[in-house]
Every structure is written in structure tokens, then in C-alpha cells.
Amino acid sequence: QVQLVESGGGLVQAGGSLRLSCAASGSTFSPNVMAWYRQAPGKQRELVAKITSGGNTNYADSVKGRVTISRDNAKNTVYLQMNSLKPEDTAVYYCYANLYPFTYWGQGTQVTVSS
């Protein structure tokens, strides 16, 4: 049974930084794609950033230049470094992993940015 466990969320002032981590359980689990999504109240879940097993990355336009996604394949862990945070970044952030044909989601971690 694969589980994704997120950590690192919290309350931060605008302009601050947070680093989210997501560890995937299962010694043989090696997802093709790992990603971070977020969902703000009243809004749809949206992709923040994704990274392939080969290290290729994609970012939402709203976070480009402020956010960096990285992964440690040996630890099955993906990270999201967020800088220059804005109040509009406030959301529940979800870790996502894909190992075709299966997808997995974490339970979510709250990020709140105060103005």
C-alpha cells in the first residue's frame, strides 16, 4: 500500500518562505511523476509544479520564479521550496504521484500566507 505523507505547511507572512516535503512509502515505489497541487477555498484543485523521474519540471505561471520542485529518487521524496509567498498562495497543498496506471494523493497540508 503506497502512502504519501506531506509535511512543512504552516502560517507565514507575505514575502516569507516555506518548504514542503512529501515522502512516499514503499521500498519499490518509483513514480514516474511527482507533483504538488493546491486547492484554495471555493476553487478547483490546480497544479503547482511537477517533476519527472528524470528531473524535468513544469510550473504553473502563477508560481514561476518563486517556487522550485525537486525530488530525491533514492528517498522517494519530493520537495517544494516556496519563496516570496503571497496571500493568494494560501491553500491546501497536496502531493501527487503517478506510476502508470495508478495515481496517489497525500492527505494535504495547509499553507496560510498572511498579508
C-alpha atoms as a PDB file:
ATOM      1  CA  GLN A   1       0.000   0.000   0.000  1.00  0.00           C
ATOM      2  CA  VAL A   2       1.558   3.276  -1.130  1.00  0.00           C
ATOM      3  CA  GLN A   3       1.126   6.305   1.085  1.00  0.00           C
ATOM      4  CA  LEU A   4       2.199   9.885   0.523  1.00  0.00           C
ATOM      5  CA  VAL A   5       2.917  11.848   3.676  1.00  0.00           C
ATOM      6  CA  GLU A   6       3.286  15.609   3.442  1.00  0.00           C
ATOM      7  CA  SER A   7       4.905  17.950   5.928  1.00  0.00           C
ATOM      8  CA  GLY A   8       6.115  21.518   6.132  1.00  0.00           C
ATOM      9  CA  GLY A   9       2.957  23.553   5.845  1.00  0.00           C
ATOM     10  CA  GLY A  10       2.083  26.358   8.198  1.00  0.00           C
ATOM     11  CA  LEU A  11       1.468  30.057   8.649  1.00  0.00           C
ATOM     12  CA  VAL A  12       3.882  32.548   7.149  1.00  0.00           C
ATOM     13  CA  GLN A  13       3.857  36.256   6.427  1.00  0.00           C
ATOM     14  CA  ALA A  14       3.776  37.554   2.891  1.00  0.00           C
ATOM     15  CA  GLY A  15       7.266  37.534   1.431  1.00  0.00           C
ATOM     16  CA  GLY A  16       8.293  34.570   3.535  1.00  0.00           C
ATOM     17  CA  SER A  17       9.305  31.060   2.580  1.00  0.00           C
ATOM     18  CA  LEU A  18       8.180  27.513   3.239  1.00  0.00           C
ATOM     19  CA  ARG A  19       9.490  24.137   2.209  1.00  0.00           C
ATOM     20  CA  LEU A  20       7.049  21.300   1.765  1.00  0.00           C
ATOM     21  CA  SER A  21       8.117  17.680   1.771  1.00  0.00           C
ATOM     22  CA  CYS A  22       6.303  14.566   0.623  1.00  0.00           C
ATOM     23  CA  ALA A  23       7.612  11.117   1.361  1.00  0.00           C
ATOM     24  CA  ALA A  24       6.245   8.106  -0.477  1.00  0.00           C
ATOM     25  CA  SER A  25       6.205   4.838   1.366  1.00  0.00           C
ATOM     26  CA  GLY A  26       7.049   1.526  -0.287  1.00  0.00           C
ATOM     27  CA  SER A  27      10.609   0.475  -0.978  1.00  0.00           C
ATOM     28  CA  THR A  28       9.843  -0.479  -4.565  1.00  0.00           C
ATOM     29  CA  PHE A  29       7.725   2.550  -5.334  1.00  0.00           C
ATOM     30  CA  SER A  30       9.335   4.638  -8.021  1.00  0.00           C
ATOM     31  CA  PRO A  31       6.799   7.013  -9.514  1.00  0.00           C
ATOM     32  CA  ASN A  32       7.236   8.427 -12.975  1.00  0.00           C
ATOM     33  CA  VAL A  33       5.828  11.790 -11.992  1.00  0.00           C
ATOM     34  CA  MET A  34       5.570  13.520  -8.662  1.00  0.00           C
ATOM     35  CA  ALA A  35       3.833  16.824  -8.255  1.00  0.00           C
ATOM     36  CA  TRP A  36       2.257  19.364  -5.963  1.00  0.00           C
ATOM     37  CA  TYR A  37      -1.290  20.578  -6.401  1.00  0.00           C
ATOM     38  CA  ARG A  38      -3.173  23.108  -4.326  1.00  0.00           C
ATOM     39  CA  GLN A  39      -6.773  23.931  -3.613  1.00  0.00           C
ATOM     40  CA  ALA A  40      -7.945  27.216  -2.188  1.00  0.00           C
ATOM     41  CA  PRO A  41     -11.406  27.588  -0.624  1.00  0.00           C
ATOM     42  CA  GLY A  42     -14.078  27.719  -3.291  1.00  0.00           C
ATOM     43  CA  LYS A  43     -11.624  26.959  -6.075  1.00  0.00           C
ATOM     44  CA  GLN A  44     -10.671  23.926  -8.090  1.00  0.00           C
ATOM     45  CA  ARG A  45      -7.541  21.970  -7.361  1.00  0.00           C
ATOM     46  CA  GLU A  46      -4.718  23.208  -9.572  1.00  0.00           C
ATOM     47  CA  LEU A  47      -1.263  22.042 -10.484  1.00  0.00           C
ATOM     48  CA  VAL A  48       1.551  23.994  -8.845  1.00  0.00           C
ATOM     49  CA  ALA A  49       4.569  22.071 -10.124  1.00  0.00           C
ATOM     50  CA  LYS A  50       5.545  18.628 -11.321  1.00  0.00           C
ATOM     51  CA  ILE A  51       8.761  16.716 -11.815  1.00  0.00           C
ATOM     52  CA  THR A  52       9.524  13.534 -13.692  1.00  0.00           C
ATOM     53  CA  SER A  53      11.846  10.774 -12.580  1.00  0.00           C
ATOM     54  CA  GLY A  54      14.369  12.232 -15.000  1.00  0.00           C
ATOM     55  CA  GLY A  55      14.195  15.649 -13.415  1.00  0.00           C
ATOM     56  CA  ASN A  56      12.111  17.517 -15.980  1.00  0.00           C
ATOM     57  CA  THR A  57       9.956  20.165 -14.336  1.00  0.00           C
ATOM     58  CA  ASN A  58       6.874  22.211 -15.096  1.00  0.00           C
ATOM     59  CA  TYR A  59       5.419  25.101 -13.124  1.00  0.00           C
ATOM     60  CA  ALA A  60       2.172  26.983 -13.047  1.00  0.00           C
ATOM     61  CA  ASP A  61       2.579  30.501 -14.403  1.00  0.00           C
ATOM     62  CA  SER A  62       1.433  31.910 -11.080  1.00  0.00           C
ATOM     63  CA  VAL A  63       4.419  30.464  -9.213  1.00  0.00           C
ATOM     64  CA  LYS A  64       7.212  30.577 -11.795  1.00  0.00           C
ATOM     65  CA  GLY A  65      10.314  32.199 -10.391  1.00  0.00           C
ATOM     66  CA  ARG A  66       9.132  31.777  -6.798  1.00  0.00           C
ATOM     67  CA  VAL A  67       8.818  28.020  -6.449  1.00  0.00           C
ATOM     68  CA  THR A  68      11.213  25.152  -7.021  1.00  0.00           C
ATOM     69  CA  ILE A  69      10.267  21.494  -7.117  1.00  0.00           C
ATOM     70  CA  SER A  70      12.874  18.815  -6.560  1.00  0.00           C
ATOM     71  CA  ARG A  71      12.967  15.149  -5.736  1.00  0.00           C
ATOM     72  CA  ASP A  72      15.234  12.600  -4.153  1.00  0.00           C
ATOM     73  CA  ASN A  73      14.577   9.376  -6.028  1.00  0.00           C
ATOM     74  CA  ALA A  74      16.524   7.317  -3.532  1.00  0.00           C
ATOM     75  CA  LYS A  75      14.225   8.522  -0.764  1.00  0.00           C
ATOM     76  CA  ASN A  76      11.055   8.674  -2.881  1.00  0.00           C
ATOM     77  CA  THR A  77      10.628  12.204  -1.611  1.00  0.00           C
ATOM     78  CA  VAL A  78       9.560  15.338  -3.427  1.00  0.00           C
ATOM     79  CA  TYR A  79      10.085  18.861  -2.147  1.00  0.00           C
ATOM     80  CA  LEU A  80       8.502  22.210  -2.890  1.00  0.00           C
ATOM     81  CA  GLN A  81      10.539  25.255  -1.958  1.00  0.00           C
ATOM     82  CA  MET A  82       8.303  28.307  -1.968  1.00  0.00           C
ATOM     83  CA  ASN A  83       9.737  31.806  -1.708  1.00  0.00           C
ATOM     84  CA  SER A  84       8.233  35.287  -1.854  1.00  0.00           C
ATOM     85  CA  LEU A  85       4.926  33.866  -0.750  1.00  0.00           C
ATOM     86  CA  LYS A  86       1.765  35.847  -1.394  1.00  0.00           C
ATOM     87  CA  PRO A  87      -1.630  35.736   0.316  1.00  0.00           C
ATOM     88  CA  GLU A  88      -3.042  34.194  -2.868  1.00  0.00           C
ATOM     89  CA  ASP A  89      -0.780  31.198  -2.303  1.00  0.00           C
ATOM     90  CA  THR A  90      -2.949  30.271   0.674  1.00  0.00           C
ATOM     91  CA  ALA A  91      -4.373  26.806   0.053  1.00  0.00           C
ATOM     92  CA  VAL A  92      -4.202  23.177   0.999  1.00  0.00           C
ATOM     93  CA  TYR A  93      -1.250  21.682  -0.838  1.00  0.00           C
ATOM     94  CA  TYR A  94      -1.462  18.079  -1.987  1.00  0.00           C
ATOM     95  CA  CYS A  95       1.300  15.755  -3.021  1.00  0.00           C
ATOM     96  CA  TYR A  96       0.649  13.625  -6.093  1.00  0.00           C
ATOM     97  CA  ALA A  97       2.455  10.644  -7.559  1.00  0.00           C
ATOM     98  CA  ASN A  98       1.867   8.718 -10.713  1.00  0.00           C
ATOM     99  CA  LEU A  99       3.051   5.243 -11.507  1.00  0.00           C
ATOM    100  CA  TYR A 100       1.036   4.240 -14.537  1.00  0.00           C
ATOM    101  CA  PRO A 101      -1.780   3.342 -14.376  1.00  0.00           C
ATOM    102  CA  PHE A 102      -2.114   4.310 -10.743  1.00  0.00           C
ATOM    103  CA  THR A 103      -2.204   7.738  -9.116  1.00  0.00           C
ATOM    104  CA  TYR A 104      -1.758   8.548  -5.465  1.00  0.00           C
ATOM    105  CA  TRP A 105      -2.561  11.590  -3.346  1.00  0.00           C
ATOM    106  CA  GLY A 106      -1.403  12.772   0.023  1.00  0.00           C
ATOM    107  CA  GLN A 107      -3.757  13.999   2.708  1.00  0.00           C
ATOM    108  CA  GLY A 108      -2.842  17.650   2.173  1.00  0.00           C
ATOM    109  CA  THR A 109      -1.019  20.256   4.208  1.00  0.00           C
ATOM    110  CA  GLN A 110      -2.313  23.763   4.889  1.00  0.00           C
ATOM    111  CA  VAL A 111      -0.301  26.756   3.789  1.00  0.00           C
ATOM    112  CA  THR A 112      -1.550  30.125   5.001  1.00  0.00           C
ATOM    113  CA  VAL A 113       0.100  33.365   3.951  1.00  0.00           C
ATOM    114  CA  SER A 114      -0.868  36.435   5.922  1.00  0.00           C
ATOM    115  CA  SER A 115      -0.711  39.931   4.463  1.00  0.00           C
END
